[in-house]
Amino acid sequence: MSHPIHWFEIFVTDIDRAVRFYQTVLNVDLRRENEDGRPMAIFASAVQEGVGGCLVRQPGREPTDRGVLIYLDASGKLDACLGRVERAGGTVVQPKTDIGPPGFIALVRDSEGNIVGLHSERV
C-alpha cells in the first residue's frame, strides 16, 4: 500500500524525556540511534508497516505546538493512551472525539511541547 507519508520527525529538546513520554503513552518500544550527531528514537513498528518516523534532537529545530499535526496509531488503545498522558508529563488538549466512520481522535501536548494527534479506528 502506498502512503502519502514515508517518514516523519518529531523534534525534541530532551530525547530521554521524550522517549519516556512516547513509550509510556503508546506502550511501544523506540529504537535508539545516532545519525550524524543527532540523537534519535525510532518508532520501529511504523517502519515495518511502510511509514516510519522518529523523535530527534537537532540543533536549529525546536518542538512546537503550531506546526504540522501528525496522528499516531492508537487503535484499540486510545482510552488507555489518554489515561497515561499526564503521568508521562503531557496534557490532553482535545479529549477522545468521535469522527464518524474513521473512528476516534484526540490531541495531546507531549513532554516537549509538541501537539500530536492519536487516532483509533473503530474496533
N, C-alpha and C. Protein backbone atom coordinates (compact mmCIF):
# COMPACT_ATOMS: atom_id res chain seq x y z
N MET A 1 0.84 -1.18 0.00
CA MET A 1 0.00 0.00 0.00
C MET A 1 0.88 1.24 0.00
N SER A 2 0.54 2.20 -0.81
CA SER A 2 1.28 3.46 -0.88
C SER A 2 0.73 4.44 0.14
N HIS A 3 1.62 5.10 0.86
CA HIS A 3 1.22 6.08 1.87
C HIS A 3 1.72 7.45 1.45
N PRO A 4 0.95 8.52 1.73
CA PRO A 4 1.43 9.85 1.39
C PRO A 4 2.59 10.29 2.29
N ILE A 5 2.72 9.68 3.44
CA ILE A 5 3.83 9.99 4.35
C ILE A 5 4.76 8.79 4.37
N HIS A 6 6.05 9.05 4.20
CA HIS A 6 7.04 7.98 4.26
C HIS A 6 7.88 8.07 5.53
N TRP A 7 8.06 9.28 6.04
CA TRP A 7 8.91 9.48 7.22
C TRP A 7 8.49 10.76 7.91
N PHE A 8 8.51 10.77 9.23
CA PHE A 8 8.25 11.99 9.98
C PHE A 8 9.26 12.11 11.11
N GLU A 9 9.52 13.34 11.52
CA GLU A 9 10.41 13.61 12.64
C GLU A 9 9.70 14.55 13.60
N ILE A 10 9.67 14.15 14.87
CA ILE A 10 9.12 14.97 15.94
C ILE A 10 10.32 15.53 16.70
N PHE A 11 10.47 16.85 16.67
CA PHE A 11 11.65 17.47 17.27
C PHE A 11 11.48 17.61 18.78
N VAL A 12 12.56 17.34 19.50
CA VAL A 12 12.56 17.34 20.96
C VAL A 12 13.78 18.09 21.48
N THR A 13 13.70 18.55 22.71
CA THR A 13 14.85 19.17 23.34
C THR A 13 15.54 18.20 24.31
N ASP A 14 14.80 17.28 24.86
CA ASP A 14 15.34 16.30 25.80
C ASP A 14 14.93 14.92 25.30
N ILE A 15 15.82 14.23 24.61
CA ILE A 15 15.50 12.96 23.97
C ILE A 15 15.09 11.90 24.99
N ASP A 16 15.75 11.85 26.14
CA ASP A 16 15.41 10.84 27.14
C ASP A 16 13.99 11.06 27.67
N ARG A 17 13.66 12.31 27.98
CA ARG A 17 12.32 12.63 28.48
C ARG A 17 11.27 12.32 27.42
N ALA A 18 11.54 12.67 26.17
CA ALA A 18 10.59 12.43 25.09
C ALA A 18 10.38 10.93 24.86
N VAL A 19 11.47 10.16 24.91
CA VAL A 19 11.35 8.70 24.75
C VAL A 19 10.48 8.14 25.87
N ARG A 20 10.71 8.56 27.11
CA ARG A 20 9.87 8.08 28.22
C ARG A 20 8.41 8.42 27.97
N PHE A 21 8.13 9.64 27.50
CA PHE A 21 6.76 10.07 27.24
C PHE A 21 6.09 9.14 26.22
N TYR A 22 6.69 9.00 25.05
CA TYR A 22 6.06 8.22 23.98
C TYR A 22 6.00 6.73 24.30
N GLN A 23 7.02 6.19 24.93
CA GLN A 23 6.97 4.78 25.31
C GLN A 23 5.88 4.54 26.34
N THR A 24 5.73 5.47 27.28
CA THR A 24 4.71 5.33 28.31
C THR A 24 3.32 5.47 27.73
N VAL A 25 3.08 6.53 26.99
CA VAL A 25 1.73 6.80 26.47
C VAL A 25 1.29 5.74 25.47
N LEU A 26 2.14 5.43 24.50
CA LEU A 26 1.75 4.49 23.44
C LEU A 26 2.03 3.03 23.78
N ASN A 27 2.76 2.80 24.86
CA ASN A 27 3.13 1.45 25.26
C ASN A 27 3.85 0.72 24.12
N VAL A 28 4.87 1.42 23.58
CA VAL A 28 5.68 0.88 22.49
C VAL A 28 7.16 1.01 22.87
N ASP A 29 7.99 0.31 22.14
CA ASP A 29 9.44 0.45 22.30
C ASP A 29 9.96 1.31 21.16
N LEU A 30 10.88 2.20 21.47
CA LEU A 30 11.55 3.02 20.46
C LEU A 30 13.00 2.57 20.38
N ARG A 31 13.51 2.52 19.17
CA ARG A 31 14.90 2.09 18.94
C ARG A 31 15.80 3.31 18.90
N ARG A 32 16.80 3.37 19.77
CA ARG A 32 17.72 4.50 19.84
C ARG A 32 18.78 4.39 18.75
N GLU A 33 19.05 5.52 18.11
CA GLU A 33 20.12 5.61 17.11
C GLU A 33 20.74 7.00 17.21
N ASN A 34 21.85 7.17 16.54
CA ASN A 34 22.50 8.46 16.46
C ASN A 34 22.94 8.64 15.02
N GLU A 35 22.37 9.60 14.34
CA GLU A 35 22.68 9.83 12.94
C GLU A 35 23.34 11.20 12.79
N ASP A 36 24.59 11.19 12.39
CA ASP A 36 25.34 12.44 12.20
C ASP A 36 25.28 13.35 13.43
N GLY A 37 25.40 12.74 14.61
CA GLY A 37 25.39 13.51 15.84
C GLY A 37 24.00 13.91 16.32
N ARG A 38 22.97 13.42 15.64
CA ARG A 38 21.59 13.72 16.04
C ARG A 38 21.03 12.51 16.77
N PRO A 39 20.79 12.62 18.09
CA PRO A 39 20.17 11.50 18.81
C PRO A 39 18.74 11.31 18.33
N MET A 40 18.40 10.06 18.05
CA MET A 40 17.08 9.72 17.53
C MET A 40 16.50 8.54 18.30
N ALA A 41 15.18 8.45 18.29
CA ALA A 41 14.46 7.29 18.81
C ALA A 41 13.39 6.96 17.77
N ILE A 42 13.52 5.80 17.16
CA ILE A 42 12.69 5.44 16.01
C ILE A 42 11.50 4.59 16.44
N PHE A 43 10.34 4.96 15.89
CA PHE A 43 9.13 4.17 16.07
C PHE A 43 9.28 2.94 15.19
N ALA A 44 9.82 1.87 15.75
CA ALA A 44 10.17 0.68 14.97
C ALA A 44 8.96 0.03 14.32
N SER A 45 7.83 -0.03 14.99
CA SER A 45 6.67 -0.68 14.39
C SER A 45 6.20 0.06 13.16
N ALA A 46 6.36 1.38 13.13
CA ALA A 46 5.94 2.15 11.97
C ALA A 46 6.80 1.81 10.75
N VAL A 47 8.07 1.59 10.97
CA VAL A 47 8.97 1.27 9.86
C VAL A 47 8.55 -0.04 9.20
N GLN A 48 8.16 -1.02 9.99
CA GLN A 48 7.77 -2.32 9.46
C GLN A 48 6.52 -2.21 8.60
N GLU A 49 5.67 -1.25 8.85
CA GLU A 49 4.42 -1.10 8.11
C GLU A 49 4.57 -0.15 6.93
N GLY A 50 5.75 0.35 6.66
CA GLY A 50 5.97 1.18 5.49
C GLY A 50 6.02 2.67 5.74
N VAL A 51 5.57 3.14 6.90
CA VAL A 51 5.66 4.55 7.24
C VAL A 51 6.49 4.63 8.51
N GLY A 52 7.60 5.34 8.44
CA GLY A 52 8.48 5.42 9.59
C GLY A 52 8.57 6.82 10.15
N GLY A 53 9.08 6.89 11.37
CA GLY A 53 9.26 8.18 11.99
C GLY A 53 10.07 8.07 13.26
N CYS A 54 10.44 9.23 13.78
CA CYS A 54 11.29 9.22 14.97
C CYS A 54 11.13 10.49 15.78
N LEU A 55 11.66 10.42 16.98
CA LEU A 55 11.92 11.60 17.80
C LEU A 55 13.36 11.97 17.50
N VAL A 56 13.66 13.25 17.42
CA VAL A 56 15.03 13.64 17.12
C VAL A 56 15.37 14.97 17.78
N ARG A 57 16.58 15.03 18.32
CA ARG A 57 17.11 16.29 18.84
C ARG A 57 18.08 16.82 17.80
N GLN A 58 17.76 17.98 17.26
CA GLN A 58 18.56 18.53 16.18
C GLN A 58 18.72 20.04 16.37
N PRO A 59 19.96 20.53 16.39
CA PRO A 59 20.17 21.97 16.51
C PRO A 59 19.41 22.74 15.42
N GLY A 60 18.78 23.81 15.81
CA GLY A 60 18.03 24.63 14.88
C GLY A 60 16.59 24.21 14.68
N ARG A 61 16.21 23.08 15.22
CA ARG A 61 14.83 22.60 15.14
C ARG A 61 14.28 22.50 16.55
N GLU A 62 13.16 23.15 16.79
CA GLU A 62 12.58 23.19 18.13
C GLU A 62 11.19 22.56 18.13
N PRO A 63 10.81 21.97 19.26
CA PRO A 63 9.43 21.50 19.38
C PRO A 63 8.47 22.68 19.24
N THR A 64 7.27 22.41 18.73
CA THR A 64 6.29 23.47 18.57
C THR A 64 4.88 22.91 18.65
N ASP A 65 3.97 23.74 19.07
CA ASP A 65 2.56 23.36 19.07
C ASP A 65 1.82 24.05 17.92
N ARG A 66 2.58 24.65 17.00
CA ARG A 66 1.98 25.40 15.90
C ARG A 66 2.34 24.84 14.52
N GLY A 67 2.96 23.69 14.49
CA GLY A 67 3.43 23.16 13.21
C GLY A 67 2.52 22.09 12.66
N VAL A 68 3.09 21.20 11.90
CA VAL A 68 2.38 20.09 11.28
C VAL A 68 1.78 19.20 12.37
N LEU A 69 0.60 18.69 12.12
CA LEU A 69 -0.05 17.80 13.08
C LEU A 69 0.03 16.37 12.55
N ILE A 70 0.64 15.50 13.33
CA ILE A 70 0.79 14.09 12.99
C ILE A 70 -0.13 13.29 13.90
N TYR A 71 -0.80 12.30 13.32
CA TYR A 71 -1.64 11.40 14.11
C TYR A 71 -0.94 10.06 14.21
N LEU A 72 -0.70 9.62 15.43
CA LEU A 72 -0.06 8.33 15.68
C LEU A 72 -1.14 7.29 15.95
N ASP A 73 -0.84 6.05 15.62
CA ASP A 73 -1.80 4.96 15.76
C ASP A 73 -2.02 4.60 17.22
N ALA A 74 -3.28 4.65 17.63
CA ALA A 74 -3.68 4.22 18.97
C ALA A 74 -4.89 3.30 18.86
N SER A 75 -4.98 2.58 17.75
CA SER A 75 -6.14 1.72 17.50
C SER A 75 -6.32 0.70 18.61
N GLY A 76 -7.54 0.68 19.14
CA GLY A 76 -7.88 -0.27 20.19
C GLY A 76 -7.33 0.06 21.55
N LYS A 77 -6.58 1.18 21.66
CA LYS A 77 -5.99 1.52 22.96
C LYS A 77 -6.02 3.02 23.25
N LEU A 78 -6.88 3.75 22.55
CA LEU A 78 -6.90 5.21 22.70
C LEU A 78 -7.21 5.63 24.13
N ASP A 79 -8.21 5.02 24.76
CA ASP A 79 -8.54 5.38 26.15
C ASP A 79 -7.36 5.13 27.08
N ALA A 80 -6.69 3.99 26.91
CA ALA A 80 -5.53 3.67 27.75
C ALA A 80 -4.40 4.67 27.52
N CYS A 81 -4.16 5.03 26.26
CA CYS A 81 -3.11 6.01 25.94
C CYS A 81 -3.41 7.34 26.61
N LEU A 82 -4.65 7.81 26.48
CA LEU A 82 -5.02 9.09 27.09
C LEU A 82 -4.89 9.04 28.61
N GLY A 83 -5.15 7.89 29.18
CA GLY A 83 -5.03 7.73 30.63
C GLY A 83 -3.59 7.82 31.12
N ARG A 84 -2.62 7.67 30.24
CA ARG A 84 -1.20 7.72 30.63
C ARG A 84 -0.52 9.04 30.30
N VAL A 85 -1.21 9.94 29.60
CA VAL A 85 -0.58 11.18 29.12
C VAL A 85 -0.04 12.03 30.26
N GLU A 86 -0.86 12.35 31.25
CA GLU A 86 -0.41 13.24 32.32
C GLU A 86 0.70 12.62 33.15
N ARG A 87 0.59 11.34 33.43
CA ARG A 87 1.64 10.65 34.19
C ARG A 87 2.96 10.69 33.45
N ALA A 88 2.90 10.74 32.12
CA ALA A 88 4.11 10.76 31.30
C ALA A 88 4.66 12.17 31.09
N GLY A 89 3.97 13.18 31.62
CA GLY A 89 4.49 14.55 31.51
C GLY A 89 3.82 15.40 30.45
N GLY A 90 2.70 14.96 29.92
CA GLY A 90 1.98 15.72 28.89
C GLY A 90 0.61 16.15 29.37
N THR A 91 -0.16 16.71 28.45
CA THR A 91 -1.53 17.11 28.76
C THR A 91 -2.44 16.72 27.58
N VAL A 92 -3.67 16.42 27.91
CA VAL A 92 -4.66 16.15 26.88
C VAL A 92 -5.22 17.50 26.44
N VAL A 93 -5.09 17.83 25.17
CA VAL A 93 -5.55 19.10 24.62
C VAL A 93 -6.98 18.97 24.10
N GLN A 94 -7.27 17.86 23.44
CA GLN A 94 -8.61 17.55 22.95
C GLN A 94 -8.92 16.12 23.35
N PRO A 95 -9.96 15.90 24.13
CA PRO A 95 -10.27 14.54 24.54
C PRO A 95 -10.73 13.68 23.36
N LYS A 96 -10.94 12.42 23.64
CA LYS A 96 -11.41 11.48 22.62
C LYS A 96 -12.64 12.06 21.93
N THR A 97 -12.56 12.12 20.62
CA THR A 97 -13.62 12.73 19.82
C THR A 97 -14.04 11.75 18.71
N ASP A 98 -15.31 11.51 18.60
CA ASP A 98 -15.85 10.63 17.56
C ASP A 98 -15.83 11.38 16.23
N ILE A 99 -15.17 10.82 15.24
CA ILE A 99 -15.10 11.46 13.91
C ILE A 99 -15.88 10.64 12.87
N GLY A 100 -16.84 9.87 13.33
CA GLY A 100 -17.66 9.09 12.41
C GLY A 100 -16.99 7.79 12.02
N PRO A 101 -17.25 7.33 10.78
CA PRO A 101 -16.72 6.02 10.36
C PRO A 101 -15.21 5.84 10.51
N PRO A 102 -14.38 6.89 10.36
CA PRO A 102 -12.94 6.66 10.53
C PRO A 102 -12.52 6.34 11.96
N GLY A 103 -13.39 6.58 12.96
CA GLY A 103 -13.04 6.23 14.33
C GLY A 103 -13.03 7.39 15.29
N PHE A 104 -11.93 7.48 16.05
CA PHE A 104 -11.81 8.47 17.12
C PHE A 104 -10.43 9.12 17.08
N ILE A 105 -10.38 10.37 17.48
CA ILE A 105 -9.11 11.08 17.59
C ILE A 105 -9.03 11.78 18.94
N ALA A 106 -7.83 12.16 19.31
CA ALA A 106 -7.56 13.00 20.47
C ALA A 106 -6.27 13.75 20.18
N LEU A 107 -6.08 14.88 20.84
CA LEU A 107 -4.84 15.64 20.70
C LEU A 107 -4.18 15.74 22.06
N VAL A 108 -2.86 15.56 22.07
CA VAL A 108 -2.09 15.68 23.31
C VAL A 108 -0.90 16.61 23.09
N ARG A 109 -0.49 17.29 24.16
CA ARG A 109 0.76 18.05 24.15
C ARG A 109 1.77 17.13 24.81
N ASP A 110 2.85 16.81 24.09
CA ASP A 110 3.84 15.88 24.63
C ASP A 110 4.73 16.57 25.65
N SER A 111 5.69 15.85 26.17
CA SER A 111 6.59 16.37 27.20
C SER A 111 7.48 17.49 26.69
N GLU A 112 7.56 17.65 25.37
CA GLU A 112 8.43 18.66 24.76
C GLU A 112 7.67 19.90 24.31
N GLY A 113 6.34 19.86 24.32
CA GLY A 113 5.53 20.99 23.89
C GLY A 113 4.88 20.82 22.53
N ASN A 114 5.16 19.71 21.83
CA ASN A 114 4.53 19.43 20.54
C ASN A 114 3.07 19.01 20.75
N ILE A 115 2.21 19.36 19.81
CA ILE A 115 0.85 18.83 19.78
C ILE A 115 0.86 17.66 18.80
N VAL A 116 0.40 16.50 19.28
CA VAL A 116 0.39 15.29 18.48
C VAL A 116 -1.00 14.68 18.57
N GLY A 117 -1.49 14.18 17.43
CA GLY A 117 -2.78 13.51 17.42
C GLY A 117 -2.64 12.02 17.65
N LEU A 118 -3.68 11.45 18.23
CA LEU A 118 -3.78 9.99 18.37
C LEU A 118 -5.05 9.59 17.63
N HIS A 119 -4.98 8.50 16.89
CA HIS A 119 -6.13 8.03 16.12
C HIS A 119 -6.41 6.56 16.42
N SER A 120 -7.67 6.24 16.56
CA SER A 120 -8.08 4.85 16.73
C SER A 120 -9.20 4.54 15.78
N GLU A 121 -9.04 3.48 15.01
CA GLU A 121 -10.12 3.00 14.18
C GLU A 121 -11.20 2.44 15.09
N ARG A 122 -12.40 2.32 14.57
CA ARG A 122 -13.47 1.68 15.33
C ARG A 122 -13.15 0.19 15.44
N VAL A 123 -13.12 -0.31 16.66
CA VAL A 123 -12.82 -1.73 16.84
C VAL A 123 -13.96 -2.41 17.57
